[in-house]
Amino acid sequence: MSDMFLEIIELDDGQIALRRADSDDEPIMRISFSESVREQLEEECIDVAKVMLTAGIHMISDLNIKASEAADRIGELDTELDDSDSRPRVIH
């Protein structure tokens, strides 16, 4: 599996976005602050967005790990069921 490099950008409309570094495609995530919050945060707005985007990336990663573990457990159950099918069938 190849590494995916991400970049944080500021869009023309002021939104902060996360996208693949090797692509100009639609951003993966966007964060939008109201004008009043932008005025209150001033230069810290970008730092707040970075923390929010980082938390989102970690959450997605955790969800992917959980989904992979669940798929592994399902695969193990399927294997157990397949093994039981190889036993002779008992007919009474």
N, C-alpha and C. Protein backbone atom coordinates (compact mmCIF):
# COMPACT_ATOMS: atom_id res chain seq x y z
N MET A 1 0.84 -1.17 0.00
CA MET A 1 0.00 0.00 0.00
C MET A 1 0.89 1.24 0.00
N SER A 2 0.62 2.16 -0.89
CA SER A 2 1.45 3.36 -0.98
C SER A 2 0.99 4.40 0.05
N ASP A 3 1.94 5.25 0.42
CA ASP A 3 1.62 6.32 1.36
C ASP A 3 0.81 7.40 0.67
N MET A 4 -0.11 7.98 1.41
CA MET A 4 -0.89 9.09 0.89
C MET A 4 -0.43 10.35 1.62
N PHE A 5 0.04 11.33 0.86
CA PHE A 5 0.47 12.57 1.44
C PHE A 5 -0.66 13.58 1.32
N LEU A 6 -0.94 14.25 2.44
CA LEU A 6 -2.04 15.20 2.49
C LEU A 6 -1.48 16.60 2.72
N GLU A 7 -2.26 17.59 2.28
CA GLU A 7 -1.87 18.97 2.53
C GLU A 7 -3.09 19.76 2.98
N ILE A 8 -2.83 20.75 3.82
CA ILE A 8 -3.88 21.65 4.28
C ILE A 8 -3.76 22.92 3.46
N ILE A 9 -4.89 23.33 2.87
CA ILE A 9 -4.89 24.51 2.02
C ILE A 9 -6.00 25.46 2.44
N GLU A 10 -5.87 26.70 2.07
CA GLU A 10 -6.96 27.66 2.27
C GLU A 10 -7.58 27.92 0.90
N LEU A 11 -8.87 27.69 0.80
CA LEU A 11 -9.58 27.89 -0.46
C LEU A 11 -9.89 29.36 -0.68
N ASP A 12 -10.26 29.71 -1.89
CA ASP A 12 -10.57 31.10 -2.24
C ASP A 12 -11.69 31.68 -1.38
N ASP A 13 -12.63 30.82 -0.94
CA ASP A 13 -13.76 31.31 -0.14
C ASP A 13 -13.44 31.38 1.36
N GLY A 14 -12.17 31.11 1.73
CA GLY A 14 -11.76 31.20 3.12
C GLY A 14 -11.84 29.90 3.89
N GLN A 15 -12.42 28.87 3.31
CA GLN A 15 -12.48 27.58 3.99
C GLN A 15 -11.09 26.98 4.06
N ILE A 16 -10.86 26.21 5.12
CA ILE A 16 -9.61 25.47 5.27
C ILE A 16 -9.94 24.05 4.83
N ALA A 17 -9.09 23.45 4.00
CA ALA A 17 -9.41 22.14 3.44
C ALA A 17 -8.20 21.22 3.51
N LEU A 18 -8.51 19.93 3.49
CA LEU A 18 -7.51 18.89 3.45
C LEU A 18 -7.67 18.14 2.14
N ARG A 19 -6.57 17.96 1.42
CA ARG A 19 -6.65 17.23 0.16
C ARG A 19 -5.36 16.44 -0.04
N ARG A 20 -5.43 15.51 -0.99
CA ARG A 20 -4.23 14.76 -1.37
C ARG A 20 -3.22 15.75 -1.97
N ALA A 21 -1.98 15.60 -1.57
CA ALA A 21 -0.95 16.52 -2.05
C ALA A 21 -0.68 16.35 -3.54
N ASP A 22 -0.93 15.16 -4.07
CA ASP A 22 -0.62 14.89 -5.47
C ASP A 22 -1.83 15.09 -6.39
N SER A 23 -2.84 15.82 -5.92
CA SER A 23 -4.06 15.95 -6.70
C SER A 23 -4.70 17.32 -6.51
N ASP A 24 -5.40 17.76 -7.53
CA ASP A 24 -6.18 18.99 -7.42
C ASP A 24 -7.67 18.66 -7.31
N ASP A 25 -7.98 17.40 -6.97
CA ASP A 25 -9.36 16.96 -6.84
C ASP A 25 -10.05 17.66 -5.68
N GLU A 26 -11.33 17.37 -5.56
CA GLU A 26 -12.14 17.88 -4.46
C GLU A 26 -11.47 17.55 -3.12
N PRO A 27 -11.42 18.50 -2.18
CA PRO A 27 -10.82 18.22 -0.88
C PRO A 27 -11.52 17.08 -0.15
N ILE A 28 -10.78 16.39 0.69
CA ILE A 28 -11.30 15.29 1.49
C ILE A 28 -12.19 15.82 2.61
N MET A 29 -11.74 16.90 3.25
CA MET A 29 -12.48 17.54 4.34
C MET A 29 -12.36 19.05 4.20
N ARG A 30 -13.40 19.74 4.68
CA ARG A 30 -13.38 21.21 4.69
C ARG A 30 -13.82 21.70 6.06
N ILE A 31 -13.26 22.82 6.46
CA ILE A 31 -13.67 23.48 7.70
C ILE A 31 -13.98 24.93 7.36
N SER A 32 -15.11 25.37 7.85
CA SER A 32 -15.55 26.74 7.58
C SER A 32 -15.83 27.43 8.91
N PHE A 33 -15.26 28.61 9.09
CA PHE A 33 -15.48 29.41 10.29
C PHE A 33 -16.34 30.62 9.93
N SER A 34 -17.21 30.99 10.82
CA SER A 34 -18.00 32.20 10.60
C SER A 34 -17.07 33.41 10.71
N GLU A 35 -17.51 34.54 10.19
CA GLU A 35 -16.69 35.76 10.25
C GLU A 35 -16.38 36.15 11.69
N SER A 36 -17.36 36.01 12.57
CA SER A 36 -17.13 36.42 13.97
C SER A 36 -16.06 35.53 14.62
N VAL A 37 -16.07 34.24 14.30
CA VAL A 37 -15.04 33.34 14.85
C VAL A 37 -13.70 33.66 14.23
N ARG A 38 -13.67 33.94 12.93
CA ARG A 38 -12.40 34.32 12.27
C ARG A 38 -11.80 35.57 12.91
N GLU A 39 -12.65 36.55 13.20
CA GLU A 39 -12.18 37.78 13.84
C GLU A 39 -11.65 37.51 15.24
N GLN A 40 -12.34 36.62 15.96
CA GLN A 40 -11.93 36.30 17.32
C GLN A 40 -10.62 35.52 17.33
N LEU A 41 -10.47 34.57 16.43
CA LEU A 41 -9.27 33.73 16.40
C LEU A 41 -8.08 34.39 15.72
N GLU A 42 -8.35 35.32 14.82
CA GLU A 42 -7.32 35.99 14.03
C GLU A 42 -6.40 34.97 13.37
N GLU A 43 -5.11 35.03 13.64
CA GLU A 43 -4.13 34.15 13.00
C GLU A 43 -4.22 32.70 13.51
N GLU A 44 -4.85 32.51 14.64
CA GLU A 44 -4.96 31.17 15.23
C GLU A 44 -5.96 30.28 14.48
N CYS A 45 -6.71 30.87 13.58
CA CYS A 45 -7.73 30.15 12.83
C CYS A 45 -7.14 28.93 12.11
N ILE A 46 -6.01 29.09 11.49
CA ILE A 46 -5.35 28.00 10.77
C ILE A 46 -4.93 26.90 11.75
N ASP A 47 -4.40 27.29 12.91
CA ASP A 47 -3.97 26.30 13.89
C ASP A 47 -5.16 25.50 14.43
N VAL A 48 -6.28 26.16 14.66
CA VAL A 48 -7.48 25.47 15.12
C VAL A 48 -7.94 24.49 14.05
N ALA A 49 -7.92 24.91 12.81
CA ALA A 49 -8.33 24.04 11.70
C ALA A 49 -7.39 22.83 11.60
N LYS A 50 -6.09 23.03 11.79
CA LYS A 50 -5.14 21.91 11.74
C LYS A 50 -5.46 20.87 12.80
N VAL A 51 -5.77 21.32 14.00
CA VAL A 51 -6.10 20.40 15.09
C VAL A 51 -7.38 19.64 14.75
N MET A 52 -8.37 20.34 14.21
CA MET A 52 -9.63 19.70 13.84
C MET A 52 -9.42 18.67 12.73
N LEU A 53 -8.64 19.01 11.73
CA LEU A 53 -8.38 18.09 10.63
C LEU A 53 -7.57 16.88 11.11
N THR A 54 -6.60 17.11 11.97
CA THR A 54 -5.80 16.01 12.52
C THR A 54 -6.70 15.05 13.31
N ALA A 55 -7.61 15.59 14.10
CA ALA A 55 -8.53 14.74 14.86
C ALA A 55 -9.40 13.93 13.90
N GLY A 56 -9.84 14.53 12.82
CA GLY A 56 -10.64 13.81 11.82
C GLY A 56 -9.87 12.69 11.18
N ILE A 57 -8.61 12.93 10.85
CA ILE A 57 -7.76 11.90 10.24
C ILE A 57 -7.58 10.73 11.21
N HIS A 58 -7.32 11.04 12.48
CA HIS A 58 -7.14 9.98 13.48
C HIS A 58 -8.43 9.17 13.65
N MET A 59 -9.56 9.83 13.65
CA MET A 59 -10.84 9.14 13.80
C MET A 59 -11.08 8.20 12.62
N ILE A 60 -10.83 8.67 11.42
CA ILE A 60 -11.00 7.83 10.22
C ILE A 60 -10.05 6.63 10.28
N SER A 61 -8.82 6.86 10.70
CA SER A 61 -7.85 5.77 10.82
C SER A 61 -8.33 4.73 11.83
N ASP A 62 -8.82 5.19 12.99
CA ASP A 62 -9.33 4.27 14.00
C ASP A 62 -10.52 3.47 13.48
N LEU A 63 -11.42 4.13 12.76
CA LEU A 63 -12.58 3.43 12.19
C LEU A 63 -12.15 2.38 11.17
N ASN A 64 -11.15 2.71 10.36
CA ASN A 64 -10.64 1.75 9.37
C ASN A 64 -10.01 0.53 10.05
N ILE A 65 -9.29 0.76 11.14
CA ILE A 65 -8.69 -0.34 11.88
C ILE A 65 -9.77 -1.23 12.47
N LYS A 66 -10.80 -0.61 13.07
CA LYS A 66 -11.90 -1.40 13.64
C LYS A 66 -12.62 -2.20 12.57
N ALA A 67 -12.84 -1.60 11.42
CA ALA A 67 -13.52 -2.31 10.32
C ALA A 67 -12.67 -3.48 9.84
N SER A 68 -11.37 -3.29 9.76
CA SER A 68 -10.47 -4.36 9.34
C SER A 68 -10.47 -5.50 10.35
N GLU A 69 -10.46 -5.17 11.63
CA GLU A 69 -10.49 -6.19 12.68
C GLU A 69 -11.80 -6.96 12.62
N ALA A 70 -12.91 -6.26 12.39
CA ALA A 70 -14.21 -6.93 12.29
C ALA A 70 -14.24 -7.86 11.09
N ALA A 71 -13.68 -7.43 9.97
CA ALA A 71 -13.63 -8.27 8.77
C ALA A 71 -12.78 -9.51 9.03
N ASP A 72 -11.68 -9.35 9.77
CA ASP A 72 -10.84 -10.50 10.12
C ASP A 72 -11.61 -11.49 10.98
N ARG A 73 -12.39 -10.98 11.96
CA ARG A 73 -13.17 -11.88 12.82
C ARG A 73 -14.23 -12.62 12.00
N ILE A 74 -14.86 -11.92 11.07
CA ILE A 74 -15.86 -12.55 10.20
C ILE A 74 -15.19 -13.63 9.35
N GLY A 75 -14.02 -13.35 8.85
CA GLY A 75 -13.27 -14.33 8.06
C GLY A 75 -12.93 -15.56 8.88
N GLU A 76 -12.56 -15.35 10.15
CA GLU A 76 -12.26 -16.48 11.03
C GLU A 76 -13.51 -17.32 11.27
N LEU A 77 -14.65 -16.67 11.46
CA LEU A 77 -15.91 -17.41 11.66
C LEU A 77 -16.27 -18.20 10.41
N ASP A 78 -16.08 -17.58 9.25
CA ASP A 78 -16.36 -18.28 7.99
C ASP A 78 -15.49 -19.51 7.85
N THR A 79 -14.21 -19.38 8.23
CA THR A 79 -13.28 -20.51 8.15
C THR A 79 -13.72 -21.62 9.09
N GLU A 80 -14.15 -21.26 10.30
CA GLU A 80 -14.62 -22.27 11.25
C GLU A 80 -15.84 -22.98 10.70
N LEU A 81 -16.75 -22.23 10.10
CA LEU A 81 -17.95 -22.85 9.52
C LEU A 81 -17.57 -23.76 8.35
N ASP A 82 -16.63 -23.32 7.52
CA ASP A 82 -16.19 -24.15 6.40
C ASP A 82 -15.56 -25.44 6.89
N ASP A 83 -14.77 -25.35 7.99
CA ASP A 83 -14.14 -26.54 8.54
C ASP A 83 -15.17 -27.53 9.06
N SER A 84 -16.24 -27.01 9.66
CA SER A 84 -17.26 -27.90 10.19
C SER A 84 -18.03 -28.58 9.07
N ASP A 85 -18.08 -27.98 7.90
CA ASP A 85 -18.76 -28.59 6.76
C ASP A 85 -18.00 -29.80 6.23
N SER A 86 -16.71 -29.90 6.56
CA SER A 86 -15.92 -31.01 6.04
C SER A 86 -16.11 -32.29 6.86
N ARG A 87 -16.77 -32.19 8.01
CA ARG A 87 -17.05 -33.38 8.81
C ARG A 87 -18.16 -34.21 8.15
N PRO A 88 -18.15 -35.48 8.40
CA PRO A 88 -19.21 -36.32 7.83
C PRO A 88 -20.57 -35.87 8.34
N ARG A 89 -21.53 -35.95 7.47
CA ARG A 89 -22.90 -35.58 7.82
C ARG A 89 -23.56 -36.73 8.56
N VAL A 90 -24.12 -36.44 9.71
CA VAL A 90 -24.77 -37.48 10.51
C VAL A 90 -26.24 -37.49 10.16
N ILE A 91 -26.72 -38.66 9.75
CA ILE A 91 -28.13 -38.80 9.39
C ILE A 91 -28.74 -39.81 10.34
N HIS A 92 -29.80 -39.49 11.01
CA HIS A 92 -30.46 -40.39 11.97
C HIS A 92 -31.70 -40.96 11.39
